Amino acid sequence: MKEFKNYHPVVNFAYFVAVIGLGMFLMHPVCLIISLISSFVCLTLARGGHAAWRAATGILPVVIVGAFLNSMFNHQGVTILAYLPDGNPVTLEAVLYGIEASLMLGTVICLFSCYNFVMTDDKFMYLFGKIMPSMALVISMTLGFVPKFKKRFAEVVKAQKGLGINIGKGGFLHRTRCAVKIMSVMTSWMLESSVETAISMKCRGYGLKNRTSFSLYTFTKRDFRMLCFLLGATGYVVFGCYRNALYFSYFPVMISSGFTCFSTSVFAVYFLLCMMPCYVELKEWIMWRAMKSTI
């Protein structure tokens, strides 16, 4: 994702808004498969194969739990698989819907992981710092909180181990005391970091009316072409949804709009939209190999 990361922040943000937005609302299994595969490929390019494998192993239990819980509480559907002790049926449609919802959740989580890699804090502040300075700062800090918390938490755990405070050893009470000690340190760090950030931004005049800002981002012809493709592809998929080309219903029976030339073209465009960063990276890799061969 390094080459795609070099695009203008408007292009990066437009891509993630499109794929995350469409991935959250398209219920067709074909769209789900496309978004799931593309999210894992993009996660592999951004974070590496190890991160993608961890995401896959983390999503599997969520899928199983989602299918189980949905079948326990949702009894719609006509294909009955079994009956619960209370007499309510377990239907095939409810199980498949639970799997679909869980996979959709996993896809969105993977896409947000890629988002945190591509859309750095300075890019987000560049886009929304002048429009809504306070809200942009809060959202930027919120999105960057999880990776910073994980990194800081690992550092604190290592430091506490050197002091003899190990949450992985000892009895239950000992581990509880160690965990409380570490969480106390993390809470103090979070509060102190927030206060320091607020004071720093205030001293820099952040949010003032006549404040100027420096930026290295330049909107080029390459960014314009890519933005046009994103907007056109997203518009075409939305138009396909409007024409019910991607219609799929689970209850009471599974009903699909079927495969037509128009719906197939919408699936193809959606695939190109989701895999666009992969195309960018592949093109850059081919150009780099060609340049190396001429040396």
Protein backbone atom coordinates (compact mmCIF):
# COMPACT_ATOMS: atom_id res chain seq x y z
CA MET A 1 0.00 0.00 0.00
CA LYS A 2 3.03 2.32 -0.09
CA GLU A 3 2.35 3.60 -3.60
CA PHE A 4 -1.35 4.08 -2.93
CA LYS A 5 -0.37 5.90 0.25
CA ASN A 6 1.48 8.46 -1.89
CA TYR A 7 -1.75 9.59 -3.53
CA HIS A 8 -3.46 12.78 -2.41
CA PRO A 9 -5.37 12.50 0.90
CA VAL A 10 -8.62 13.25 -0.94
CA VAL A 11 -8.11 10.11 -3.05
CA ASN A 12 -7.20 7.94 -0.07
CA PHE A 13 -10.17 9.15 1.96
CA ALA A 14 -12.59 8.78 -0.97
CA TYR A 15 -11.52 5.17 -1.49
CA PHE A 16 -12.07 4.13 2.12
CA VAL A 17 -15.38 5.97 2.36
CA ALA A 18 -16.55 4.13 -0.77
CA VAL A 19 -15.43 0.60 0.14
CA ILE A 20 -16.38 0.81 3.83
CA GLY A 21 -19.72 2.43 3.07
CA LEU A 22 -20.63 -0.07 0.36
CA GLY A 23 -19.25 -2.99 2.35
CA MET A 24 -21.55 -2.16 5.27
CA PHE A 25 -24.76 -2.06 3.21
CA LEU A 26 -24.36 -4.52 0.32
CA MET A 27 -25.95 -7.79 1.46
CA HIS A 28 -25.37 -9.83 -1.69
CA PRO A 29 -23.04 -12.81 -1.07
CA VAL A 30 -20.99 -12.00 -4.18
CA CYS A 31 -20.37 -8.48 -2.91
CA LEU A 32 -19.47 -9.89 0.50
CA ILE A 33 -16.92 -12.26 -1.03
CA ILE A 34 -15.41 -9.46 -3.12
CA SER A 35 -15.11 -7.08 -0.18
CA LEU A 36 -13.75 -9.81 2.11
CA ILE A 37 -11.04 -10.93 -0.33
CA SER A 38 -10.04 -7.37 -1.22
CA SER A 39 -9.83 -6.36 2.45
CA PHE A 40 -7.49 -9.27 3.23
CA VAL A 41 -5.33 -8.53 0.18
CA CYS A 42 -5.09 -4.84 1.11
CA LEU A 43 -4.34 -5.76 4.73
CA THR A 44 -1.56 -8.06 3.53
CA LEU A 45 -0.07 -5.26 1.42
CA ALA A 46 -0.34 -2.77 4.27
CA ARG A 47 0.52 -4.79 7.38
CA GLY A 48 2.05 -7.98 6.03
CA GLY A 49 0.93 -11.58 5.82
CA HIS A 50 1.20 -12.12 9.57
CA ALA A 51 -1.36 -9.40 10.27
CA ALA A 52 -3.73 -10.83 7.66
CA TRP A 53 -3.41 -14.31 9.18
CA ARG A 54 -4.14 -12.96 12.65
CA ALA A 55 -7.19 -11.15 11.28
CA ALA A 56 -8.42 -14.34 9.60
CA THR A 57 -8.00 -16.42 12.76
CA GLY A 58 -9.72 -13.67 14.76
CA ILE A 59 -12.69 -13.47 12.40
CA LEU A 60 -13.37 -17.24 12.44
CA PRO A 61 -14.58 -17.35 16.09
CA VAL A 62 -16.67 -14.24 15.47
CA VAL A 63 -18.35 -15.97 12.52
CA ILE A 64 -19.12 -19.06 14.60
CA VAL A 65 -20.48 -17.03 17.52
CA GLY A 66 -22.48 -14.78 15.18
CA ALA A 67 -24.11 -17.74 13.44
CA PHE A 68 -24.89 -19.38 16.78
CA LEU A 69 -26.37 -16.31 18.46
CA ASN A 70 -28.41 -15.28 15.43
CA SER A 71 -29.89 -18.76 15.13
CA MET A 72 -30.74 -18.74 18.85
CA PHE A 73 -32.61 -15.43 18.81
CA ASN A 74 -33.74 -15.08 15.19
CA HIS A 75 -36.25 -17.70 14.15
CA GLN A 76 -37.29 -16.34 10.79
CA GLY A 77 -36.95 -18.49 7.72
CA VAL A 78 -38.71 -21.49 6.26
CA THR A 79 -35.85 -24.03 6.09
CA ILE A 80 -35.92 -25.60 9.56
CA LEU A 81 -32.75 -27.40 10.62
CA ALA A 82 -33.62 -28.29 14.22
CA TYR A 83 -35.70 -27.27 17.19
CA LEU A 84 -34.48 -25.69 20.43
CA PRO A 85 -35.58 -27.06 23.82
CA ASP A 86 -38.10 -24.22 24.11
CA GLY A 87 -39.70 -25.24 20.80
CA ASN A 88 -38.32 -22.41 18.63
CA PRO A 89 -36.86 -23.51 15.28
CA VAL A 90 -33.28 -23.09 14.08
CA THR A 91 -33.50 -22.05 10.44
CA LEU A 92 -30.94 -22.15 7.68
CA GLU A 93 -31.69 -18.54 6.73
CA ALA A 94 -30.92 -17.31 10.26
CA VAL A 95 -27.61 -19.21 10.35
CA LEU A 96 -26.52 -17.86 6.97
CA TYR A 97 -27.54 -14.34 7.93
CA GLY A 98 -25.46 -14.58 11.12
CA ILE A 99 -22.45 -15.75 9.10
CA GLU A 100 -22.97 -12.92 6.60
CA ALA A 101 -23.21 -10.27 9.32
CA SER A 102 -20.09 -11.57 11.08
CA LEU A 103 -18.06 -11.64 7.86
CA MET A 104 -19.22 -8.11 7.09
CA LEU A 105 -18.03 -6.98 10.51
CA GLY A 106 -14.65 -8.65 9.95
CA THR A 107 -14.33 -7.00 6.55
CA VAL A 108 -14.97 -3.55 7.99
CA ILE A 109 -12.42 -4.15 10.76
CA CYS A 110 -9.77 -5.13 8.19
CA LEU A 111 -10.56 -2.06 6.10
CA PHE A 112 -10.24 0.20 9.14
CA SER A 113 -6.85 -1.35 9.84
CA CYS A 114 -5.78 -0.44 6.30
CA TYR A 115 -7.30 3.00 6.82
CA ASN A 116 -5.12 3.62 9.87
CA PHE A 117 -2.06 2.68 7.81
CA VAL A 118 -2.86 4.90 4.81
CA MET A 119 -4.75 7.83 6.36
CA THR A 120 -2.27 9.21 8.86
CA ASP A 121 -3.12 11.97 11.33
CA ASP A 122 -1.59 14.70 9.20
CA LYS A 123 -3.70 13.65 6.19
CA PHE A 124 -6.92 13.71 8.19
CA MET A 125 -6.06 17.08 9.71
CA TYR A 126 -5.23 18.39 6.24
CA LEU A 127 -8.67 17.42 4.97
CA PHE A 128 -10.84 18.55 7.88
CA GLY A 129 -8.66 20.83 9.99
CA LYS A 130 -10.07 24.02 8.44
CA ILE A 131 -13.65 22.82 8.06
CA MET A 132 -14.19 21.51 11.61
CA PRO A 133 -10.98 21.92 13.60
CA SER A 134 -12.21 20.67 16.99
CA MET A 135 -14.08 17.69 15.60
CA ALA A 136 -11.21 16.79 13.27
CA LEU A 137 -8.76 16.78 16.17
CA VAL A 138 -11.02 14.58 18.31
CA ILE A 139 -11.65 12.10 15.48
CA SER A 140 -7.96 11.98 14.60
CA MET A 141 -7.00 11.28 18.20
CA THR A 142 -9.73 8.64 18.51
CA LEU A 143 -8.72 6.75 15.38
CA GLY A 144 -5.07 6.79 16.40
CA PHE A 145 -5.78 5.82 19.98
CA VAL A 146 -5.95 2.02 19.53
CA PRO A 147 -2.52 1.46 17.89
CA LYS A 148 -0.86 3.92 20.30
CA PHE A 149 -2.57 2.22 23.25
CA LYS A 150 -1.36 -1.21 22.14
CA LYS A 151 2.20 0.01 21.70
CA ARG A 152 2.21 1.83 25.03
CA PHE A 153 0.59 -1.11 26.79
CA ALA A 154 3.35 -3.47 25.58
CA GLU A 155 5.99 -1.03 26.83
CA VAL A 156 4.34 -0.73 30.24
CA VAL A 157 4.00 -4.51 30.60
CA LYS A 158 7.71 -4.98 29.83
CA ALA A 159 8.67 -2.25 32.30
CA GLN A 160 6.47 -3.73 35.03
CA LYS A 161 7.99 -7.17 34.47
CA GLY A 162 11.38 -5.66 35.32
CA LEU A 163 9.89 -4.52 38.62
CA GLY A 164 8.50 -7.96 39.38
CA ILE A 165 4.92 -7.17 38.39
CA ASN A 166 3.94 -9.92 35.95
CA ILE A 167 0.29 -10.45 35.02
CA GLY A 168 1.08 -13.87 33.54
CA LYS A 169 2.31 -15.54 36.71
CA GLY A 170 1.02 -16.15 40.23
CA GLY A 171 -2.42 -16.66 41.63
CA PHE A 172 -5.63 -14.96 40.66
CA LEU A 173 -5.36 -12.20 43.27
CA HIS A 174 -1.73 -11.49 42.37
CA ARG A 175 -2.51 -11.23 38.66
CA THR A 176 -5.52 -9.02 39.43
CA ARG A 177 -3.33 -6.63 41.45
CA CYS A 178 -0.77 -6.54 38.63
CA ALA A 179 -3.48 -5.85 36.05
CA VAL A 180 -4.94 -3.04 38.18
CA LYS A 181 -1.46 -1.53 38.55
CA ILE A 182 -0.89 -1.59 34.79
CA MET A 183 -4.32 -0.14 34.04
CA SER A 184 -3.64 2.64 36.55
CA VAL A 185 -0.44 3.49 34.69
CA MET A 186 -2.26 3.41 31.32
CA THR A 187 -5.06 5.63 32.62
CA SER A 188 -2.56 8.19 33.89
CA TRP A 189 -0.75 8.11 30.56
CA MET A 190 -3.98 8.62 28.59
CA LEU A 191 -5.07 11.59 30.67
CA GLU A 192 -1.62 13.18 30.60
CA SER A 193 -1.29 12.68 26.85
CA SER A 194 -4.69 14.26 26.21
CA VAL A 195 -3.86 17.31 28.33
CA GLU A 196 -0.47 17.72 26.64
CA THR A 197 -2.05 17.48 23.19
CA ALA A 198 -4.70 20.06 24.07
CA ILE A 199 -2.14 22.52 25.48
CA SER A 200 0.20 21.99 22.51
CA MET A 201 -2.54 22.62 19.94
CA LYS A 202 -3.75 25.69 21.82
CA CYS A 203 -0.22 27.16 21.92
CA ARG A 204 0.08 26.64 18.17
CA GLY A 205 -3.08 28.63 17.57
CA TYR A 206 -5.02 25.64 16.29
CA GLY A 207 -8.58 26.51 15.33
CA LEU A 208 -8.02 30.27 15.05
CA LYS A 209 -9.69 32.03 12.16
CA ASN A 210 -6.63 33.46 10.41
CA ARG A 211 -4.25 30.61 11.17
CA THR A 212 -2.26 29.31 8.19
CA SER A 213 -0.90 25.81 7.76
CA PHE A 214 1.85 24.20 5.73
CA SER A 215 1.23 21.16 3.57
CA LEU A 216 3.29 19.04 1.18
CA TYR A 217 0.27 17.59 -0.62
CA THR A 218 -0.33 18.58 -4.24
CA PHE A 219 -3.33 17.48 -6.27
CA THR A 220 -1.89 16.22 -9.57
CA LYS A 221 -3.39 14.83 -12.77
CA ARG A 222 -2.81 11.32 -11.49
CA ASP A 223 -4.89 12.09 -8.42
CA PHE A 224 -7.61 13.63 -10.58
CA ARG A 225 -7.84 10.54 -12.80
CA MET A 226 -7.97 8.24 -9.79
CA LEU A 227 -10.61 10.36 -8.08
CA CYS A 228 -12.74 10.32 -11.22
CA PHE A 229 -12.47 6.53 -11.35
CA LEU A 230 -13.48 6.22 -7.68
CA LEU A 231 -16.46 8.51 -8.07
CA GLY A 232 -17.56 6.87 -11.32
CA ALA A 233 -17.24 3.31 -9.99
CA THR A 234 -19.01 4.17 -6.73
CA GLY A 235 -21.78 5.92 -8.62
CA TYR A 236 -22.22 2.92 -10.92
CA VAL A 237 -22.49 0.50 -8.00
CA VAL A 238 -24.99 2.77 -6.25
CA PHE A 239 -26.99 2.96 -9.49
CA GLY A 240 -26.94 -0.83 -9.63
CA CYS A 241 -28.35 -0.94 -6.10
CA TYR A 242 -31.05 1.51 -7.16
CA ARG A 243 -31.98 -0.76 -10.07
CA ASN A 244 -32.07 -3.79 -7.70
CA ALA A 245 -29.20 -5.48 -9.53
CA LEU A 246 -27.63 -6.38 -6.17
CA TYR A 247 -30.83 -7.30 -4.38
CA PHE A 248 -30.63 -10.25 -1.98
CA SER A 249 -33.01 -11.14 0.83
CA TYR A 250 -32.57 -13.82 3.50
CA PHE A 251 -36.04 -13.82 5.06
CA PRO A 252 -38.42 -15.54 4.91
CA VAL A 253 -36.67 -17.30 2.01
CA MET A 254 -33.45 -16.43 0.23
CA ILE A 255 -34.32 -14.41 -2.85
CA SER A 256 -31.84 -12.92 -5.30
CA SER A 257 -32.24 -10.67 -8.29
CA GLY A 258 -30.32 -13.22 -10.34
CA PHE A 259 -27.37 -12.77 -12.66
CA THR A 260 -27.89 -10.59 -15.69
CA CYS A 261 -25.49 -8.68 -17.93
CA PHE A 262 -26.14 -5.53 -15.93
CA SER A 263 -25.68 -7.15 -12.53
CA THR A 264 -22.50 -8.89 -13.72
CA SER A 265 -21.11 -5.54 -14.85
CA VAL A 266 -21.93 -4.05 -11.44
CA PHE A 267 -20.09 -6.91 -9.72
CA ALA A 268 -17.10 -6.36 -12.02
CA VAL A 269 -17.00 -2.63 -11.30
CA TYR A 270 -17.30 -3.27 -7.57
CA PHE A 271 -14.41 -5.73 -7.80
CA LEU A 272 -12.25 -3.17 -9.61
CA LEU A 273 -13.18 -0.56 -7.03
CA CYS A 274 -12.24 -2.73 -4.06
CA MET A 275 -9.03 -4.02 -5.66
CA MET A 276 -7.88 -0.61 -6.89
CA PRO A 277 -4.94 -0.32 -4.40
CA CYS A 278 -3.73 -3.75 -5.51
CA TYR A 279 -3.74 -2.59 -9.12
CA VAL A 280 -1.72 0.48 -8.14
CA GLU A 281 0.85 -1.61 -6.28
CA LEU A 282 1.06 -4.18 -9.09
CA LYS A 283 1.59 -1.46 -11.68
CA GLU A 284 4.33 0.12 -9.57
CA TRP A 285 6.01 -3.26 -9.08
CA ILE A 286 5.98 -3.96 -12.84
CA MET A 287 7.42 -0.52 -13.61
CA TRP A 288 10.12 -1.02 -10.99
CA ARG A 289 11.07 -4.43 -12.41
CA ALA A 290 11.21 -2.95 -15.91
CA MET A 291 13.48 -0.13 -14.73
CA LYS A 292 15.78 -2.58 -12.94
CA SER A 293 16.10 -4.70 -16.08
CA THR A 294 17.44 -1.69 -18.01
CA ILE A 295 20.23 -1.02 -15.51
